[in-house]
Amino acid sequence: MAMRQEAMRVWGVYAAAAAAEIGGCYAVWAVLRLGQSAWWCVPGLLLLALFASLLTLVESTAAGRAFAAYGGVYILASLAWMWGMEGLRPDRWDVIGAALCIAGAAIILLAPRTA
């Protein structure tokens, strides 16, 4: 049970990190691609700092492993952003690719390790 609770906490941290990273990156996108004011970069940079800070909350023996597992969550969150904020529904290839990435992230995150 404790392992399940920890896994749920990690997925929550990853979801919050994804929201912060996508929001921060979108702020820069809005400035450079959509002509928004450069002031959009201020909250964008704060969100990106929050993103990086959130990833430190994941217990892992290696930062790279924590980042790799996060990658699958980021992909799924990016497609959700595309659908919810940009109005473009993911196609079946997006869904298949995201499912593969989430499966990979779960393997990386939940695999039994001796060290």
N, C-alpha and C. Protein backbone atom coordinates (compact mmCIF):
# COMPACT_ATOMS: atom_id res chain seq x y z
N MET A 1 0.83 -1.20 0.00
CA MET A 1 0.00 0.00 0.00
C MET A 1 0.87 1.25 0.00
N ALA A 2 1.94 1.26 0.80
CA ALA A 2 2.82 2.43 0.86
C ALA A 2 3.46 2.70 -0.50
N MET A 3 3.80 1.63 -1.20
CA MET A 3 4.41 1.79 -2.53
C MET A 3 3.41 2.42 -3.49
N ARG A 4 2.15 2.03 -3.40
CA ARG A 4 1.12 2.59 -4.27
C ARG A 4 0.92 4.08 -3.97
N GLN A 5 0.91 4.43 -2.69
CA GLN A 5 0.74 5.83 -2.31
C GLN A 5 1.92 6.67 -2.82
N GLU A 6 3.12 6.13 -2.72
CA GLU A 6 4.30 6.84 -3.21
C GLU A 6 4.22 7.01 -4.72
N ALA A 7 3.80 5.97 -5.42
CA ALA A 7 3.65 6.07 -6.88
C ALA A 7 2.63 7.14 -7.25
N MET A 8 1.52 7.20 -6.53
CA MET A 8 0.49 8.22 -6.80
C MET A 8 1.05 9.62 -6.52
N ARG A 9 1.84 9.74 -5.46
CA ARG A 9 2.44 11.05 -5.15
C ARG A 9 3.38 11.47 -6.27
N VAL A 10 4.19 10.54 -6.75
CA VAL A 10 5.13 10.86 -7.83
C VAL A 10 4.39 11.27 -9.09
N TRP A 11 3.34 10.52 -9.45
CA TRP A 11 2.57 10.89 -10.64
C TRP A 11 1.95 12.28 -10.47
N GLY A 12 1.53 12.61 -9.25
CA GLY A 12 1.00 13.95 -8.98
C GLY A 12 2.05 15.03 -9.15
N VAL A 13 3.26 14.75 -8.63
CA VAL A 13 4.37 15.70 -8.80
C VAL A 13 4.66 15.89 -10.29
N TYR A 14 4.69 14.77 -11.01
CA TYR A 14 4.95 14.85 -12.46
C TYR A 14 3.86 15.63 -13.18
N ALA A 15 2.61 15.44 -12.79
CA ALA A 15 1.52 16.18 -13.43
C ALA A 15 1.65 17.68 -13.16
N ALA A 16 1.98 18.04 -11.93
CA ALA A 16 2.17 19.46 -11.60
C ALA A 16 3.38 20.03 -12.35
N ALA A 17 4.45 19.25 -12.44
CA ALA A 17 5.64 19.69 -13.18
C ALA A 17 5.31 19.90 -14.65
N ALA A 18 4.52 19.00 -15.21
CA ALA A 18 4.15 19.13 -16.63
C ALA A 18 3.33 20.40 -16.86
N ALA A 19 2.38 20.67 -15.96
CA ALA A 19 1.57 21.89 -16.11
C ALA A 19 2.46 23.13 -16.03
N ALA A 20 3.40 23.14 -15.11
CA ALA A 20 4.30 24.29 -14.98
C ALA A 20 5.21 24.42 -16.20
N GLU A 21 5.75 23.31 -16.67
CA GLU A 21 6.65 23.38 -17.83
C GLU A 21 5.91 23.81 -19.09
N ILE A 22 4.75 23.24 -19.33
CA ILE A 22 3.99 23.61 -20.53
C ILE A 22 3.55 25.06 -20.45
N GLY A 23 3.10 25.50 -19.28
CA GLY A 23 2.71 26.91 -19.13
C GLY A 23 3.88 27.84 -19.37
N GLY A 24 5.04 27.50 -18.82
CA GLY A 24 6.23 28.33 -19.02
C GLY A 24 6.69 28.36 -20.46
N CYS A 25 6.71 27.20 -21.08
CA CYS A 25 7.11 27.15 -22.49
C CYS A 25 6.10 27.87 -23.38
N TYR A 26 4.82 27.74 -23.05
CA TYR A 26 3.81 28.42 -23.86
C TYR A 26 3.95 29.94 -23.77
N ALA A 27 4.34 30.43 -22.60
CA ALA A 27 4.53 31.88 -22.45
C ALA A 27 5.61 32.37 -23.41
N VAL A 28 6.70 31.64 -23.52
CA VAL A 28 7.76 32.01 -24.45
C VAL A 28 7.26 31.87 -25.89
N TRP A 29 6.54 30.80 -26.19
CA TRP A 29 5.95 30.58 -27.52
C TRP A 29 5.05 31.77 -27.88
N ALA A 30 4.24 32.21 -26.91
CA ALA A 30 3.31 33.31 -27.16
C ALA A 30 4.06 34.60 -27.51
N VAL A 31 5.19 34.83 -26.86
CA VAL A 31 5.98 36.03 -27.16
C VAL A 31 6.62 35.91 -28.55
N LEU A 32 7.28 34.79 -28.79
CA LEU A 32 8.07 34.66 -30.03
C LEU A 32 7.24 34.30 -31.26
N ARG A 33 6.13 33.59 -31.07
CA ARG A 33 5.36 33.14 -32.22
C ARG A 33 4.02 33.83 -32.39
N LEU A 34 3.46 34.32 -31.29
CA LEU A 34 2.13 34.92 -31.36
C LEU A 34 2.13 36.42 -31.16
N GLY A 35 3.31 37.01 -30.95
CA GLY A 35 3.42 38.45 -30.83
C GLY A 35 2.94 39.03 -29.51
N GLN A 36 2.87 38.23 -28.47
CA GLN A 36 2.47 38.75 -27.16
C GLN A 36 3.59 39.60 -26.58
N SER A 37 3.25 40.39 -25.59
CA SER A 37 4.23 41.24 -24.91
C SER A 37 5.32 40.40 -24.27
N ALA A 38 6.53 40.95 -24.24
CA ALA A 38 7.65 40.26 -23.60
C ALA A 38 7.38 40.03 -22.11
N TRP A 39 6.45 40.75 -21.53
CA TRP A 39 6.10 40.55 -20.13
C TRP A 39 5.54 39.16 -19.87
N TRP A 40 5.07 38.49 -20.91
CA TRP A 40 4.61 37.11 -20.75
C TRP A 40 5.75 36.22 -20.26
N CYS A 41 6.99 36.61 -20.54
CA CYS A 41 8.13 35.79 -20.13
C CYS A 41 8.33 35.78 -18.61
N VAL A 42 7.85 36.79 -17.92
CA VAL A 42 8.03 36.83 -16.47
C VAL A 42 7.32 35.66 -15.79
N PRO A 43 6.01 35.49 -15.97
CA PRO A 43 5.38 34.31 -15.36
C PRO A 43 5.89 33.02 -15.99
N GLY A 44 6.26 33.09 -17.27
CA GLY A 44 6.80 31.91 -17.93
C GLY A 44 8.07 31.41 -17.26
N LEU A 45 8.97 32.32 -16.94
CA LEU A 45 10.22 31.93 -16.28
C LEU A 45 9.96 31.42 -14.86
N LEU A 46 9.01 32.02 -14.18
CA LEU A 46 8.65 31.55 -12.84
C LEU A 46 8.08 30.13 -12.90
N LEU A 47 7.24 29.88 -13.91
CA LEU A 47 6.70 28.54 -14.08
C LEU A 47 7.79 27.52 -14.40
N LEU A 48 8.75 27.91 -15.21
CA LEU A 48 9.84 27.00 -15.55
C LEU A 48 10.71 26.71 -14.32
N ALA A 49 10.90 27.71 -13.46
CA ALA A 49 11.63 27.47 -12.22
C ALA A 49 10.84 26.54 -11.30
N LEU A 50 9.54 26.72 -11.25
CA LEU A 50 8.69 25.82 -10.46
C LEU A 50 8.78 24.40 -10.99
N PHE A 51 8.73 24.26 -12.30
CA PHE A 51 8.87 22.95 -12.93
C PHE A 51 10.14 22.24 -12.46
N ALA A 52 11.26 22.93 -12.57
CA ALA A 52 12.54 22.33 -12.19
C ALA A 52 12.55 21.97 -10.70
N SER A 53 11.97 22.81 -9.88
CA SER A 53 11.92 22.55 -8.44
C SER A 53 11.05 21.33 -8.13
N LEU A 54 9.94 21.20 -8.83
CA LEU A 54 9.06 20.06 -8.59
C LEU A 54 9.75 18.73 -8.88
N LEU A 55 10.56 18.69 -9.92
CA LEU A 55 11.24 17.43 -10.25
C LEU A 55 12.18 16.98 -9.15
N THR A 56 12.65 17.90 -8.32
CA THR A 56 13.54 17.50 -7.23
C THR A 56 12.79 16.77 -6.12
N LEU A 57 11.46 16.79 -6.14
CA LEU A 57 10.66 16.12 -5.12
C LEU A 57 10.50 14.62 -5.37
N VAL A 58 10.97 14.16 -6.53
CA VAL A 58 10.86 12.74 -6.87
C VAL A 58 12.09 12.02 -6.33
N GLU A 59 11.85 11.00 -5.50
CA GLU A 59 12.95 10.22 -4.94
C GLU A 59 13.51 9.32 -6.04
N SER A 60 14.78 9.48 -6.31
CA SER A 60 15.44 8.66 -7.33
C SER A 60 16.93 8.67 -7.04
N THR A 61 17.58 7.57 -7.37
CA THR A 61 19.03 7.51 -7.18
C THR A 61 19.76 8.28 -8.26
N ALA A 62 19.05 8.63 -9.33
CA ALA A 62 19.67 9.36 -10.44
C ALA A 62 18.69 10.38 -11.00
N ALA A 63 19.15 11.59 -11.17
CA ALA A 63 18.30 12.63 -11.74
C ALA A 63 17.83 12.23 -13.13
N GLY A 64 18.71 11.63 -13.91
CA GLY A 64 18.35 11.24 -15.27
C GLY A 64 17.19 10.27 -15.30
N ARG A 65 17.12 9.35 -14.33
CA ARG A 65 16.01 8.41 -14.28
C ARG A 65 14.70 9.14 -13.96
N ALA A 66 14.75 10.06 -13.03
CA ALA A 66 13.55 10.84 -12.70
C ALA A 66 13.10 11.66 -13.90
N PHE A 67 14.05 12.25 -14.61
CA PHE A 67 13.71 13.05 -15.80
C PHE A 67 13.16 12.17 -16.92
N ALA A 68 13.73 10.98 -17.10
CA ALA A 68 13.29 10.08 -18.16
C ALA A 68 11.84 9.64 -17.91
N ALA A 69 11.53 9.26 -16.68
CA ALA A 69 10.17 8.85 -16.36
C ALA A 69 9.20 10.02 -16.54
N TYR A 70 9.64 11.22 -16.19
CA TYR A 70 8.81 12.41 -16.37
C TYR A 70 8.48 12.65 -17.84
N GLY A 71 9.38 12.29 -18.72
CA GLY A 71 9.18 12.54 -20.15
C GLY A 71 7.87 11.99 -20.68
N GLY A 72 7.48 10.80 -20.24
CA GLY A 72 6.22 10.23 -20.69
C GLY A 72 5.02 11.05 -20.24
N VAL A 73 5.07 11.52 -19.01
CA VAL A 73 3.99 12.36 -18.49
C VAL A 73 3.92 13.67 -19.26
N TYR A 74 5.08 14.24 -19.58
CA TYR A 74 5.12 15.49 -20.34
C TYR A 74 4.47 15.32 -21.71
N ILE A 75 4.74 14.21 -22.36
CA ILE A 75 4.15 13.96 -23.68
C ILE A 75 2.63 13.91 -23.58
N LEU A 76 2.12 13.17 -22.62
CA LEU A 76 0.67 13.08 -22.43
C LEU A 76 0.07 14.45 -22.12
N ALA A 77 0.73 15.20 -21.23
CA ALA A 77 0.24 16.52 -20.86
C ALA A 77 0.28 17.49 -22.04
N SER A 78 1.28 17.36 -22.89
CA SER A 78 1.37 18.22 -24.07
C SER A 78 0.22 17.98 -25.03
N LEU A 79 -0.15 16.72 -25.20
CA LEU A 79 -1.30 16.41 -26.06
C LEU A 79 -2.60 16.90 -25.44
N ALA A 80 -2.71 16.81 -24.11
CA ALA A 80 -3.89 17.36 -23.43
C ALA A 80 -3.96 18.87 -23.62
N TRP A 81 -2.81 19.54 -23.55
CA TRP A 81 -2.75 20.99 -23.79
C TRP A 81 -3.21 21.30 -25.22
N MET A 82 -2.70 20.55 -26.17
CA MET A 82 -3.05 20.75 -27.57
C MET A 82 -4.57 20.66 -27.75
N TRP A 83 -5.17 19.67 -27.10
CA TRP A 83 -6.60 19.47 -27.24
C TRP A 83 -7.39 20.53 -26.48
N GLY A 84 -7.03 20.76 -25.22
CA GLY A 84 -7.80 21.67 -24.38
C GLY A 84 -7.59 23.15 -24.69
N MET A 85 -6.36 23.54 -24.97
CA MET A 85 -6.05 24.96 -25.15
C MET A 85 -5.97 25.39 -26.61
N GLU A 86 -5.59 24.47 -27.48
CA GLU A 86 -5.45 24.82 -28.88
C GLU A 86 -6.57 24.27 -29.75
N GLY A 87 -7.42 23.48 -29.16
CA GLY A 87 -8.59 22.97 -29.86
C GLY A 87 -8.30 21.92 -30.94
N LEU A 88 -7.13 21.32 -30.89
CA LEU A 88 -6.78 20.29 -31.87
C LEU A 88 -6.78 18.94 -31.18
N ARG A 89 -7.74 18.11 -31.54
CA ARG A 89 -7.89 16.80 -30.91
C ARG A 89 -6.77 15.86 -31.35
N PRO A 90 -6.14 15.17 -30.39
CA PRO A 90 -5.10 14.21 -30.75
C PRO A 90 -5.68 13.11 -31.65
N ASP A 91 -4.90 12.68 -32.63
CA ASP A 91 -5.35 11.59 -33.49
C ASP A 91 -4.91 10.25 -32.89
N ARG A 92 -5.24 9.18 -33.54
CA ARG A 92 -4.94 7.86 -32.97
C ARG A 92 -3.45 7.64 -32.81
N TRP A 93 -2.63 8.24 -33.67
CA TRP A 93 -1.18 8.08 -33.57
C TRP A 93 -0.64 8.83 -32.37
N ASP A 94 -1.22 9.98 -32.08
CA ASP A 94 -0.86 10.70 -30.87
C ASP A 94 -1.17 9.86 -29.63
N VAL A 95 -2.36 9.27 -29.62
CA VAL A 95 -2.80 8.47 -28.47
C VAL A 95 -1.93 7.23 -28.31
N ILE A 96 -1.65 6.54 -29.40
CA ILE A 96 -0.79 5.35 -29.34
C ILE A 96 0.60 5.73 -28.85
N GLY A 97 1.16 6.78 -29.39
CA GLY A 97 2.49 7.23 -28.97
C GLY A 97 2.53 7.61 -27.51
N ALA A 98 1.51 8.34 -27.04
CA ALA A 98 1.46 8.73 -25.64
C ALA A 98 1.32 7.51 -24.73
N ALA A 99 0.50 6.54 -25.14
CA ALA A 99 0.34 5.33 -24.33
C ALA A 99 1.66 4.57 -24.21
N LEU A 100 2.40 4.49 -25.30
CA LEU A 100 3.71 3.84 -25.25
C LEU A 100 4.65 4.58 -24.30
N CYS A 101 4.61 5.90 -24.37
CA CYS A 101 5.49 6.70 -23.50
C CYS A 101 5.11 6.56 -22.03
N ILE A 102 3.82 6.55 -21.72
CA ILE A 102 3.38 6.37 -20.34
C ILE A 102 3.78 4.98 -19.84
N ALA A 103 3.64 3.97 -20.70
CA ALA A 103 4.07 2.62 -20.31
C ALA A 103 5.57 2.62 -20.01
N GLY A 104 6.34 3.27 -20.85
CA GLY A 104 7.78 3.36 -20.61
C GLY A 104 8.10 4.10 -19.33
N ALA A 105 7.40 5.19 -19.08
CA ALA A 105 7.62 5.94 -17.85
C ALA A 105 7.28 5.09 -16.63
N ALA A 106 6.20 4.31 -16.70
CA ALA A 106 5.82 3.46 -15.59
C ALA A 106 6.88 2.38 -15.33
N ILE A 107 7.42 1.82 -16.40
CA ILE A 107 8.47 0.81 -16.23
C ILE A 107 9.69 1.43 -15.56
N ILE A 108 10.09 2.59 -16.02
CA ILE A 108 11.26 3.26 -15.43
C ILE A 108 11.00 3.59 -13.96
N LEU A 109 9.82 4.11 -13.68
CA LEU A 109 9.50 4.59 -12.34
C LEU A 109 9.24 3.46 -11.35
N LEU A 110 8.56 2.41 -11.79
CA LEU A 110 8.09 1.38 -10.87
C LEU A 110 8.91 0.10 -10.85
N ALA A 111 9.91 0.00 -11.71
CA ALA A 111 10.70 -1.23 -11.78
C ALA A 111 11.40 -1.51 -10.45
N PRO A 112 11.41 -2.78 -10.04
CA PRO A 112 12.13 -3.10 -8.79
C PRO A 112 13.62 -2.98 -9.04
N ARG A 113 14.29 -2.27 -8.17
CA ARG A 113 15.73 -2.06 -8.31
C ARG A 113 16.42 -2.50 -7.03
N THR A 114 17.59 -3.04 -7.19
CA THR A 114 18.36 -3.46 -6.02
C THR A 114 19.27 -2.35 -5.51
N ALA A 115 19.58 -1.42 -6.39
CA ALA A 115 20.47 -0.32 -5.97
C ALA A 115 19.93 1.00 -6.39
